[in-house]
Amino acid sequence: AIMGEGGLANCGNSQNCVAACPKGIPLTTS
């Protein structure tokens, strides 16, 4: 599912997500 359209390849690795997460989840590590 994540290898298809809109999946993992669409991540630009900006790392904004891990900085904004209110729970401090290691999103970029995942």
mmCIF file of all heavy atoms, coordinates in Angstrom:
data_MODEL
# 
_entry.id   MODEL 
# 
loop_
_atom_site.group_PDB 
_atom_site.id 
_atom_site.type_symbol 
_atom_site.label_atom_id 
_atom_site.label_alt_id 
_atom_site.label_comp_id 
_atom_site.label_asym_id 
_atom_site.label_entity_id 
_atom_site.label_seq_id 
_atom_site.pdbx_PDB_ins_code 
_atom_site.Cartn_x 
_atom_site.Cartn_y 
_atom_site.Cartn_z 
_atom_site.occupancy 
_atom_site.B_iso_or_equiv 
_atom_site.pdbx_formal_charge 
_atom_site.auth_seq_id 
_atom_site.auth_comp_id 
_atom_site.auth_asym_id 
_atom_site.auth_atom_id 
_atom_site.pdbx_PDB_model_num 
ATOM 1   N N   . ALA A 1 1  ? 0.823  -1.216 0.000  1.00 0.00 ? 1  ALA A N   1 
ATOM 2   C CA  . ALA A 1 1  ? 0.000  0.000  0.000  1.00 0.00 ? 1  ALA A CA  1 
ATOM 3   C C   . ALA A 1 1  ? 0.854  1.262  0.000  1.00 0.00 ? 1  ALA A C   1 
ATOM 4   O O   . ALA A 1 1  ? 0.546  2.232  -0.701 1.00 0.00 ? 1  ALA A O   1 
ATOM 5   C CB  . ALA A 1 1  ? -0.943 -0.003 1.204  1.00 0.00 ? 1  ALA A CB  1 
ATOM 6   N N   . ILE A 1 2  ? 1.943  1.263  0.765  1.00 0.00 ? 2  ILE A N   1 
ATOM 7   C CA  . ILE A 1 2  ? 2.759  2.476  0.845  1.00 0.00 ? 2  ILE A CA  1 
ATOM 8   C C   . ILE A 1 2  ? 3.787  2.553  -0.284 1.00 0.00 ? 2  ILE A C   1 
ATOM 9   O O   . ILE A 1 2  ? 4.453  3.580  -0.443 1.00 0.00 ? 2  ILE A O   1 
ATOM 10  C CB  . ILE A 1 2  ? 3.476  2.598  2.203  1.00 0.00 ? 2  ILE A CB  1 
ATOM 11  C CG1 . ILE A 1 2  ? 4.493  1.477  2.406  1.00 0.00 ? 2  ILE A CG1 1 
ATOM 12  C CG2 . ILE A 1 2  ? 2.464  2.630  3.331  1.00 0.00 ? 2  ILE A CG2 1 
ATOM 13  C CD1 . ILE A 1 2  ? 5.343  1.655  3.659  1.00 0.00 ? 2  ILE A CD1 1 
ATOM 14  N N   . MET A 1 3  ? 3.902  1.487  -1.079 1.00 0.00 ? 3  MET A N   1 
ATOM 15  C CA  . MET A 1 3  ? 4.790  1.518  -2.246 1.00 0.00 ? 3  MET A CA  1 
ATOM 16  C C   . MET A 1 3  ? 4.055  2.022  -3.482 1.00 0.00 ? 3  MET A C   1 
ATOM 17  O O   . MET A 1 3  ? 4.669  2.244  -4.532 1.00 0.00 ? 3  MET A O   1 
ATOM 18  C CB  . MET A 1 3  ? 5.362  0.122  -2.507 1.00 0.00 ? 3  MET A CB  1 
ATOM 19  C CG  . MET A 1 3  ? 6.390  -0.310 -1.479 1.00 0.00 ? 3  MET A CG  1 
ATOM 20  S SD  . MET A 1 3  ? 6.828  -2.059 -1.591 1.00 0.00 ? 3  MET A SD  1 
ATOM 21  C CE  . MET A 1 3  ? 7.617  -2.144 -3.196 1.00 0.00 ? 3  MET A CE  1 
ATOM 22  N N   . GLY A 1 4  ? 2.748  2.227  -3.358 1.00 0.00 ? 4  GLY A N   1 
ATOM 23  C CA  . GLY A 1 4  ? 1.947  2.687  -4.481 1.00 0.00 ? 4  GLY A CA  1 
ATOM 24  C C   . GLY A 1 4  ? 1.809  4.193  -4.537 1.00 0.00 ? 4  GLY A C   1 
ATOM 25  O O   . GLY A 1 4  ? 2.560  4.939  -3.893 1.00 0.00 ? 4  GLY A O   1 
ATOM 26  N N   . GLU A 1 5  ? 0.835  4.653  -5.276 1.00 0.00 ? 5  GLU A N   1 
ATOM 27  C CA  . GLU A 1 5  ? 0.574  6.076  -5.470 1.00 0.00 ? 5  GLU A CA  1 
ATOM 28  C C   . GLU A 1 5  ? 0.330  6.771  -4.135 1.00 0.00 ? 5  GLU A C   1 
ATOM 29  O O   . GLU A 1 5  ? -0.468 6.328  -3.317 1.00 0.00 ? 5  GLU A O   1 
ATOM 30  C CB  . GLU A 1 5  ? -0.650 6.263  -6.375 1.00 0.00 ? 5  GLU A CB  1 
ATOM 31  C CG  . GLU A 1 5  ? -1.063 7.702  -6.585 1.00 0.00 ? 5  GLU A CG  1 
ATOM 32  C CD  . GLU A 1 5  ? -0.028 8.500  -7.379 1.00 0.00 ? 5  GLU A CD  1 
ATOM 33  O OE1 . GLU A 1 5  ? 0.740  7.878  -8.149 1.00 0.00 ? 5  GLU A OE1 1 
ATOM 34  O OE2 . GLU A 1 5  ? 0.001  9.734  -7.229 1.00 0.00 ? 5  GLU A OE2 1 
ATOM 35  N N   . GLY A 1 6  ? 1.030  7.891  -3.917 1.00 0.00 ? 6  GLY A N   1 
ATOM 36  C CA  . GLY A 1 6  ? 0.848  8.674  -2.696 1.00 0.00 ? 6  GLY A CA  1 
ATOM 37  C C   . GLY A 1 6  ? 1.520  8.089  -1.473 1.00 0.00 ? 6  GLY A C   1 
ATOM 38  O O   . GLY A 1 6  ? 1.288  8.555  -0.364 1.00 0.00 ? 6  GLY A O   1 
ATOM 39  N N   . GLY A 1 7  ? 2.348  7.090  -1.683 1.00 0.00 ? 7  GLY A N   1 
ATOM 40  C CA  . GLY A 1 7  ? 2.967  6.404  -0.567 1.00 0.00 ? 7  GLY A CA  1 
ATOM 41  C C   . GLY A 1 7  ? 4.296  6.978  -0.132 1.00 0.00 ? 7  GLY A C   1 
ATOM 42  O O   . GLY A 1 7  ? 4.539  8.188  -0.191 1.00 0.00 ? 7  GLY A O   1 
ATOM 43  N N   . LEU A 1 8  ? 5.181  6.099  0.252  1.00 0.00 ? 8  LEU A N   1 
ATOM 44  C CA  . LEU A 1 8  ? 6.450  6.478  0.861  1.00 0.00 ? 8  LEU A CA  1 
ATOM 45  C C   . LEU A 1 8  ? 7.306  7.368  -0.041 1.00 0.00 ? 8  LEU A C   1 
ATOM 46  O O   . LEU A 1 8  ? 8.008  8.267  0.436  1.00 0.00 ? 8  LEU A O   1 
ATOM 47  C CB  . LEU A 1 8  ? 7.216  5.200  1.222  1.00 0.00 ? 8  LEU A CB  1 
ATOM 48  C CG  . LEU A 1 8  ? 8.404  5.302  2.168  1.00 0.00 ? 8  LEU A CG  1 
ATOM 49  C CD1 . LEU A 1 8  ? 7.989  5.861  3.508  1.00 0.00 ? 8  LEU A CD1 1 
ATOM 50  C CD2 . LEU A 1 8  ? 9.038  3.942  2.344  1.00 0.00 ? 8  LEU A CD2 1 
ATOM 51  N N   . ALA A 1 9  ? 7.259  7.132  -1.341 1.00 0.00 ? 9  ALA A N   1 
ATOM 52  C CA  . ALA A 1 9  ? 8.094  7.899  -2.277 1.00 0.00 ? 9  ALA A CA  1 
ATOM 53  C C   . ALA A 1 9  ? 7.724  9.371  -2.317 1.00 0.00 ? 9  ALA A C   1 
ATOM 54  O O   . ALA A 1 9  ? 8.520  10.205 -2.766 1.00 0.00 ? 9  ALA A O   1 
ATOM 55  C CB  . ALA A 1 9  ? 7.990  7.297  -3.679 1.00 0.00 ? 9  ALA A CB  1 
ATOM 56  N N   . ASN A 1 10 ? 6.527  9.721  -1.847 1.00 0.00 ? 10 ASN A N   1 
ATOM 57  C CA  . ASN A 1 10 ? 6.089  11.114 -1.865 1.00 0.00 ? 10 ASN A CA  1 
ATOM 58  C C   . ASN A 1 10 ? 6.594  11.921 -0.673 1.00 0.00 ? 10 ASN A C   1 
ATOM 59  O O   . ASN A 1 10 ? 6.358  13.124 -0.580 1.00 0.00 ? 10 ASN A O   1 
ATOM 60  C CB  . ASN A 1 10 ? 4.562  11.191 -1.916 1.00 0.00 ? 10 ASN A CB  1 
ATOM 61  C CG  . ASN A 1 10 ? 4.000  10.731 -3.242 1.00 0.00 ? 10 ASN A CG  1 
ATOM 62  O OD1 . ASN A 1 10 ? 4.031  9.543  -3.549 1.00 0.00 ? 10 ASN A OD1 1 
ATOM 63  N ND2 . ASN A 1 10 ? 3.483  11.667 -4.037 1.00 0.00 ? 10 ASN A ND2 1 
ATOM 64  N N   . CYS A 1 11 ? 7.257  11.266 0.274  1.00 0.00 ? 11 CYS A N   1 
ATOM 65  C CA  . CYS A 1 11 ? 7.806  11.965 1.432  1.00 0.00 ? 11 CYS A CA  1 
ATOM 66  C C   . CYS A 1 11 ? 9.064  12.719 1.016  1.00 0.00 ? 11 CYS A C   1 
ATOM 67  O O   . CYS A 1 11 ? 9.980  12.135 0.442  1.00 0.00 ? 11 CYS A O   1 
ATOM 68  C CB  . CYS A 1 11 ? 8.128  10.975 2.555  1.00 0.00 ? 11 CYS A CB  1 
ATOM 69  S SG  . CYS A 1 11 ? 9.006  11.715 3.956  1.00 0.00 ? 11 CYS A SG  1 
ATOM 70  N N   . GLY A 1 12 ? 9.108  14.010 1.293  1.00 0.00 ? 12 GLY A N   1 
ATOM 71  C CA  . GLY A 1 12 ? 10.268 14.824 0.930  1.00 0.00 ? 12 GLY A CA  1 
ATOM 72  C C   . GLY A 1 12 ? 11.306 14.945 2.024  1.00 0.00 ? 12 GLY A C   1 
ATOM 73  O O   . GLY A 1 12 ? 12.285 15.682 1.888  1.00 0.00 ? 12 GLY A O   1 
ATOM 74  N N   . ASN A 1 13 ? 11.083 14.246 3.156  1.00 0.00 ? 13 ASN A N   1 
ATOM 75  C CA  . ASN A 1 13 ? 12.030 14.240 4.283  1.00 0.00 ? 13 ASN A CA  1 
ATOM 76  C C   . ASN A 1 13 ? 12.324 15.646 4.815  1.00 0.00 ? 13 ASN A C   1 
ATOM 77  O O   . ASN A 1 13 ? 13.458 15.959 5.179  1.00 0.00 ? 13 ASN A O   1 
ATOM 78  C CB  . ASN A 1 13 ? 13.340 13.554 3.879  1.00 0.00 ? 13 ASN A CB  1 
ATOM 79  C CG  . ASN A 1 13 ? 14.180 13.166 5.086  1.00 0.00 ? 13 ASN A CG  1 
ATOM 80  O OD1 . ASN A 1 13 ? 13.649 12.859 6.142  1.00 0.00 ? 13 ASN A OD1 1 
ATOM 81  N ND2 . ASN A 1 13 ? 15.500 13.201 4.935  1.00 0.00 ? 13 ASN A ND2 1 
ATOM 82  N N   . SER A 1 14 ? 11.303 16.487 4.876  1.00 0.00 ? 14 SER A N   1 
ATOM 83  C CA  . SER A 1 14 ? 11.487 17.832 5.438  1.00 0.00 ? 14 SER A CA  1 
ATOM 84  C C   . SER A 1 14 ? 11.635 17.792 6.951  1.00 0.00 ? 14 SER A C   1 
ATOM 85  O O   . SER A 1 14 ? 12.177 18.715 7.560  1.00 0.00 ? 14 SER A O   1 
ATOM 86  C CB  . SER A 1 14 ? 10.301 18.721 5.066  1.00 0.00 ? 14 SER A CB  1 
ATOM 87  O OG  . SER A 1 14 ? 9.125  18.281 5.738  1.00 0.00 ? 14 SER A OG  1 
ATOM 88  N N   . GLN A 1 15 ? 11.113 16.734 7.560  1.00 0.00 ? 15 GLN A N   1 
ATOM 89  C CA  . GLN A 1 15 ? 11.167 16.511 9.009  1.00 0.00 ? 15 GLN A CA  1 
ATOM 90  C C   . GLN A 1 15 ? 10.352 17.530 9.801  1.00 0.00 ? 15 GLN A C   1 
ATOM 91  O O   . GLN A 1 15 ? 10.517 17.667 11.015 1.00 0.00 ? 15 GLN A O   1 
ATOM 92  C CB  . GLN A 1 15 ? 12.619 16.478 9.502  1.00 0.00 ? 15 GLN A CB  1 
ATOM 93  C CG  . GLN A 1 15 ? 13.454 15.413 8.797  1.00 0.00 ? 15 GLN A CG  1 
ATOM 94  C CD  . GLN A 1 15 ? 14.771 15.129 9.481  1.00 0.00 ? 15 GLN A CD  1 
ATOM 95  O OE1 . GLN A 1 15 ? 14.888 15.276 10.688 1.00 0.00 ? 15 GLN A OE1 1 
ATOM 96  N NE2 . GLN A 1 15 ? 15.749 14.700 8.717  1.00 0.00 ? 15 GLN A NE2 1 
ATOM 97  N N   . ASN A 1 16 ? 9.460  18.258 9.128  1.00 0.00 ? 16 ASN A N   1 
ATOM 98  C CA  . ASN A 1 16 ? 8.550  19.167 9.833  1.00 0.00 ? 16 ASN A CA  1 
ATOM 99  C C   . ASN A 1 16 ? 7.603  18.399 10.736 1.00 0.00 ? 16 ASN A C   1 
ATOM 100 O O   . ASN A 1 16 ? 7.194  18.885 11.786 1.00 0.00 ? 16 ASN A O   1 
ATOM 101 C CB  . ASN A 1 16 ? 7.726  19.981 8.827  1.00 0.00 ? 16 ASN A CB  1 
ATOM 102 C CG  . ASN A 1 16 ? 8.566  21.012 8.101  1.00 0.00 ? 16 ASN A CG  1 
ATOM 103 O OD1 . ASN A 1 16 ? 9.784  21.027 8.233  1.00 0.00 ? 16 ASN A OD1 1 
ATOM 104 N ND2 . ASN A 1 16 ? 7.924  21.870 7.333  1.00 0.00 ? 16 ASN A ND2 1 
ATOM 105 N N   . CYS A 1 17 ? 7.252  17.185 10.314 1.00 0.00 ? 17 CYS A N   1 
ATOM 106 C CA  . CYS A 1 17 ? 6.262  16.404 11.048 1.00 0.00 ? 17 CYS A CA  1 
ATOM 107 C C   . CYS A 1 17 ? 6.736  16.060 12.450 1.00 0.00 ? 17 CYS A C   1 
ATOM 108 O O   . CYS A 1 17 ? 6.001  16.210 13.426 1.00 0.00 ? 17 CYS A O   1 
ATOM 109 C CB  . CYS A 1 17 ? 5.910  15.128 10.282 1.00 0.00 ? 17 CYS A CB  1 
ATOM 110 S SG  . CYS A 1 17 ? 7.338  14.071 9.899  1.00 0.00 ? 17 CYS A SG  1 
ATOM 111 N N   . VAL A 1 18 ? 7.973  15.597 12.554 1.00 0.00 ? 18 VAL A N   1 
ATOM 112 C CA  . VAL A 1 18 ? 8.484  15.178 13.862 1.00 0.00 ? 18 VAL A CA  1 
ATOM 113 C C   . VAL A 1 18 ? 8.680  16.388 14.778 1.00 0.00 ? 18 VAL A C   1 
ATOM 114 O O   . VAL A 1 18 ? 8.569  16.274 16.002 1.00 0.00 ? 18 VAL A O   1 
ATOM 115 C CB  . VAL A 1 18 ? 9.798  14.378 13.693 1.00 0.00 ? 18 VAL A CB  1 
ATOM 116 C CG1 . VAL A 1 18 ? 10.956 15.282 13.285 1.00 0.00 ? 18 VAL A CG1 1 
ATOM 117 C CG2 . VAL A 1 18 ? 10.124 13.617 14.957 1.00 0.00 ? 18 VAL A CG2 1 
ATOM 118 N N   . ALA A 1 19 ? 8.950  17.554 14.193 1.00 0.00 ? 19 ALA A N   1 
ATOM 119 C CA  . ALA A 1 19 ? 9.106  18.769 14.998 1.00 0.00 ? 19 ALA A CA  1 
ATOM 120 C C   . ALA A 1 19 ? 7.758  19.270 15.514 1.00 0.00 ? 19 ALA A C   1 
ATOM 121 O O   . ALA A 1 19 ? 7.681  19.866 16.595 1.00 0.00 ? 19 ALA A O   1 
ATOM 122 C CB  . ALA A 1 19 ? 9.780  19.861 14.173 1.00 0.00 ? 19 ALA A CB  1 
ATOM 123 N N   . ALA A 1 20 ? 6.690  19.018 14.751 1.00 0.00 ? 20 ALA A N   1 
ATOM 124 C CA  . ALA A 1 20 ? 5.370  19.529 15.125 1.00 0.00 ? 20 ALA A CA  1 
ATOM 125 C C   . ALA A 1 20 ? 4.568  18.567 15.980 1.00 0.00 ? 20 ALA A C   1 
ATOM 126 O O   . ALA A 1 20 ? 3.652  18.997 16.697 1.00 0.00 ? 20 ALA A O   1 
ATOM 127 C CB  . ALA A 1 20 ? 4.573  19.857 13.862 1.00 0.00 ? 20 ALA A CB  1 
ATOM 128 N N   . CYS A 1 21 ? 4.880  17.269 15.949 1.00 0.00 ? 21 CYS A N   1 
ATOM 129 C CA  . CYS A 1 21 ? 4.074  16.272 16.648 1.00 0.00 ? 21 CYS A CA  1 
ATOM 130 C C   . CYS A 1 21 ? 3.958  16.582 18.139 1.00 0.00 ? 21 CYS A C   1 
ATOM 131 O O   . CYS A 1 21 ? 4.971  16.656 18.838 1.00 0.00 ? 21 CYS A O   1 
ATOM 132 C CB  . CYS A 1 21 ? 4.680  14.878 16.467 1.00 0.00 ? 21 CYS A CB  1 
ATOM 133 S SG  . CYS A 1 21 ? 3.767  13.576 17.336 1.00 0.00 ? 21 CYS A SG  1 
ATOM 134 N N   . PRO A 1 22 ? 2.736  16.774 18.658 1.00 0.00 ? 22 PRO A N   1 
ATOM 135 C CA  . PRO A 1 22 ? 2.572  17.100 20.082 1.00 0.00 ? 22 PRO A CA  1 
ATOM 136 C C   . PRO A 1 22 ? 2.944  15.958 21.022 1.00 0.00 ? 22 PRO A C   1 
ATOM 137 O O   . PRO A 1 22 ? 3.136  16.177 22.210 1.00 0.00 ? 22 PRO A O   1 
ATOM 138 C CB  . PRO A 1 22 ? 1.075  17.441 20.191 1.00 0.00 ? 22 PRO A CB  1 
ATOM 139 C CG  . PRO A 1 22 ? 0.439  16.746 19.043 1.00 0.00 ? 22 PRO A CG  1 
ATOM 140 C CD  . PRO A 1 22 ? 1.451  16.750 17.945 1.00 0.00 ? 22 PRO A CD  1 
ATOM 141 N N   . LYS A 1 23 ? 3.045  14.755 20.503 1.00 0.00 ? 23 LYS A N   1 
ATOM 142 C CA  . LYS A 1 23 ? 3.397  13.601 21.330 1.00 0.00 ? 23 LYS A CA  1 
ATOM 143 C C   . LYS A 1 23 ? 4.858  13.185 21.169 1.00 0.00 ? 23 LYS A C   1 
ATOM 144 O O   . LYS A 1 23 ? 5.288  12.204 21.789 1.00 0.00 ? 23 LYS A O   1 
ATOM 145 C CB  . LYS A 1 23 ? 2.481  12.417 20.990 1.00 0.00 ? 23 LYS A CB  1 
ATOM 146 C CG  . LYS A 1 23 ? 1.029  12.597 21.425 1.00 0.00 ? 23 LYS A CG  1 
ATOM 147 C CD  . LYS A 1 23 ? 0.943  12.764 22.936 1.00 0.00 ? 23 LYS A CD  1 
ATOM 148 C CE  . LYS A 1 23 ? -0.498 12.871 23.405 1.00 0.00 ? 23 LYS A CE  1 
ATOM 149 N NZ  . LYS A 1 23 ? -0.587 13.039 24.867 1.00 0.00 ? 23 LYS A NZ  1 
ATOM 150 N N   . GLY A 1 24 ? 5.607  13.911 20.347 1.00 0.00 ? 24 GLY A N   1 
ATOM 151 C CA  . GLY A 1 24 ? 7.015  13.601 20.175 1.00 0.00 ? 24 GLY A CA  1 
ATOM 152 C C   . GLY A 1 24 ? 7.276  12.243 19.545 1.00 0.00 ? 24 GLY A C   1 
ATOM 153 O O   . GLY A 1 24 ? 8.292  11.602 19.824 1.00 0.00 ? 24 GLY A O   1 
ATOM 154 N N   . ILE A 1 25 ? 6.367  11.795 18.688 1.00 0.00 ? 25 ILE A N   1 
ATOM 155 C CA  . ILE A 1 25 ? 6.523  10.483 18.045 1.00 0.00 ? 25 ILE A CA  1 
ATOM 156 C C   . ILE A 1 25 ? 7.650  10.553 17.013 1.00 0.00 ? 25 ILE A C   1 
ATOM 157 O O   . ILE A 1 25 ? 7.703  11.488 16.213 1.00 0.00 ? 25 ILE A O   1 
ATOM 158 C CB  . ILE A 1 25 ? 5.200  10.064 17.370 1.00 0.00 ? 25 ILE A CB  1 
ATOM 159 C CG1 . ILE A 1 25 ? 4.094  9.931  18.426 1.00 0.00 ? 25 ILE A CG1 1 
ATOM 160 C CG2 . ILE A 1 25 ? 5.364  8.751  16.608 1.00 0.00 ? 25 ILE A CG2 1 
ATOM 161 C CD1 . ILE A 1 25 ? 2.717  9.708  17.856 1.00 0.00 ? 25 ILE A CD1 1 
ATOM 162 N N   . PRO A 1 26 ? 8.558  9.572  17.008 1.00 0.00 ? 26 PRO A N   1 
ATOM 163 C CA  . PRO A 1 26 ? 9.680  9.585  16.055 1.00 0.00 ? 26 PRO A CA  1 
ATOM 164 C C   . PRO A 1 26 ? 9.238  9.221  14.641 1.00 0.00 ? 26 PRO A C   1 
ATOM 165 O O   . PRO A 1 26 ? 9.562  8.151  14.119 1.00 0.00 ? 26 PRO A O   1 
ATOM 166 C CB  . PRO A 1 26 ? 10.641 8.548  16.647 1.00 0.00 ? 26 PRO A CB  1 
ATOM 167 C CG  . PRO A 1 26 ? 9.754  7.584  17.369 1.00 0.00 ? 26 PRO A CG  1 
ATOM 168 C CD  . PRO A 1 26 ? 8.631  8.430  17.935 1.00 0.00 ? 26 PRO A CD  1 
ATOM 169 N N   . LEU A 1 27 ? 8.485  10.094 14.017 1.00 0.00 ? 27 LEU A N   1 
ATOM 170 C CA  . LEU A 1 27 ? 7.895  9.821  12.709 1.00 0.00 ? 27 LEU A CA  1 
ATOM 171 C C   . LEU A 1 27 ? 8.948  9.581  11.635 1.00 0.00 ? 27 LEU A C   1 
ATOM 172 O O   . LEU A 1 27 ? 8.822  8.670  10.816 1.00 0.00 ? 27 LEU A O   1 
ATOM 173 C CB  . LEU A 1 27 ? 6.981  10.984 12.299 1.00 0.00 ? 27 LEU A CB  1 
ATOM 174 C CG  . LEU A 1 27 ? 5.772  11.233 13.211 1.00 0.00 ? 27 LEU A CG  1 
ATOM 175 C CD1 . LEU A 1 27 ? 5.147  12.583 12.905 1.00 0.00 ? 27 LEU A CD1 1 
ATOM 176 C CD2 . LEU A 1 27 ? 4.755  10.119 13.045 1.00 0.00 ? 27 LEU A CD2 1 
ATOM 177 N N   . THR A 1 28 ? 10.004 10.406 11.621 1.00 0.00 ? 28 THR A N   1 
ATOM 178 C CA  . THR A 1 28 ? 11.024 10.256 10.581 1.00 0.00 ? 28 THR A CA  1 
ATOM 179 C C   . THR A 1 28 ? 11.830 8.966  10.763 1.00 0.00 ? 28 THR A C   1 
ATOM 180 O O   . THR A 1 28 ? 12.311 8.395  9.785  1.00 0.00 ? 28 THR A O   1 
ATOM 181 C CB  . THR A 1 28 ? 11.967 11.469 10.578 1.00 0.00 ? 28 THR A CB  1 
ATOM 182 O OG1 . THR A 1 28 ? 12.435 11.726 11.917 1.00 0.00 ? 28 THR A OG1 1 
ATOM 183 C CG2 . THR A 1 28 ? 11.249 12.713 10.076 1.00 0.00 ? 28 THR A CG2 1 
ATOM 184 N N   . THR A 1 29 ? 11.967 8.526  12.006 1.00 0.00 ? 29 THR A N   1 
ATOM 185 C CA  . THR A 1 29 ? 12.638 7.242  12.244 1.00 0.00 ? 29 THR A CA  1 
ATOM 186 C C   . THR A 1 29 ? 11.824 6.102  11.654 1.00 0.00 ? 29 THR A C   1 
ATOM 187 O O   . THR A 1 29 ? 12.372 5.165  11.055 1.00 0.00 ? 29 THR A O   1 
ATOM 188 C CB  . THR A 1 29 ? 12.835 7.009  13.755 1.00 0.00 ? 29 THR A CB  1 
ATOM 189 O OG1 . THR A 1 29 ? 13.593 8.084  14.318 1.00 0.00 ? 29 THR A OG1 1 
ATOM 190 C CG2 . THR A 1 29 ? 13.559 5.700  14.020 1.00 0.00 ? 29 THR A CG2 1 
ATOM 191 N N   . SER A 1 30 ? 10.506 6.191  11.808 1.00 0.00 ? 30 SER A N   1 
ATOM 192 C CA  . SER A 1 30 ? 9.627  5.175  11.227 1.00 0.00 ? 30 SER A CA  1 
ATOM 193 C C   . SER A 1 30 ? 9.709  5.188  9.709  1.00 0.00 ? 30 SER A C   1 
ATOM 194 O O   . SER A 1 30 ? 9.735  4.139  9.060  1.00 0.00 ? 30 SER A O   1 
ATOM 195 C CB  . SER A 1 30 ? 8.183  5.419  11.671 1.00 0.00 ? 30 SER A CB  1 
ATOM 196 O OG  . SER A 1 30 ? 8.025  5.158  13.049 1.00 0.00 ? 30 SER A OG  1 
# 
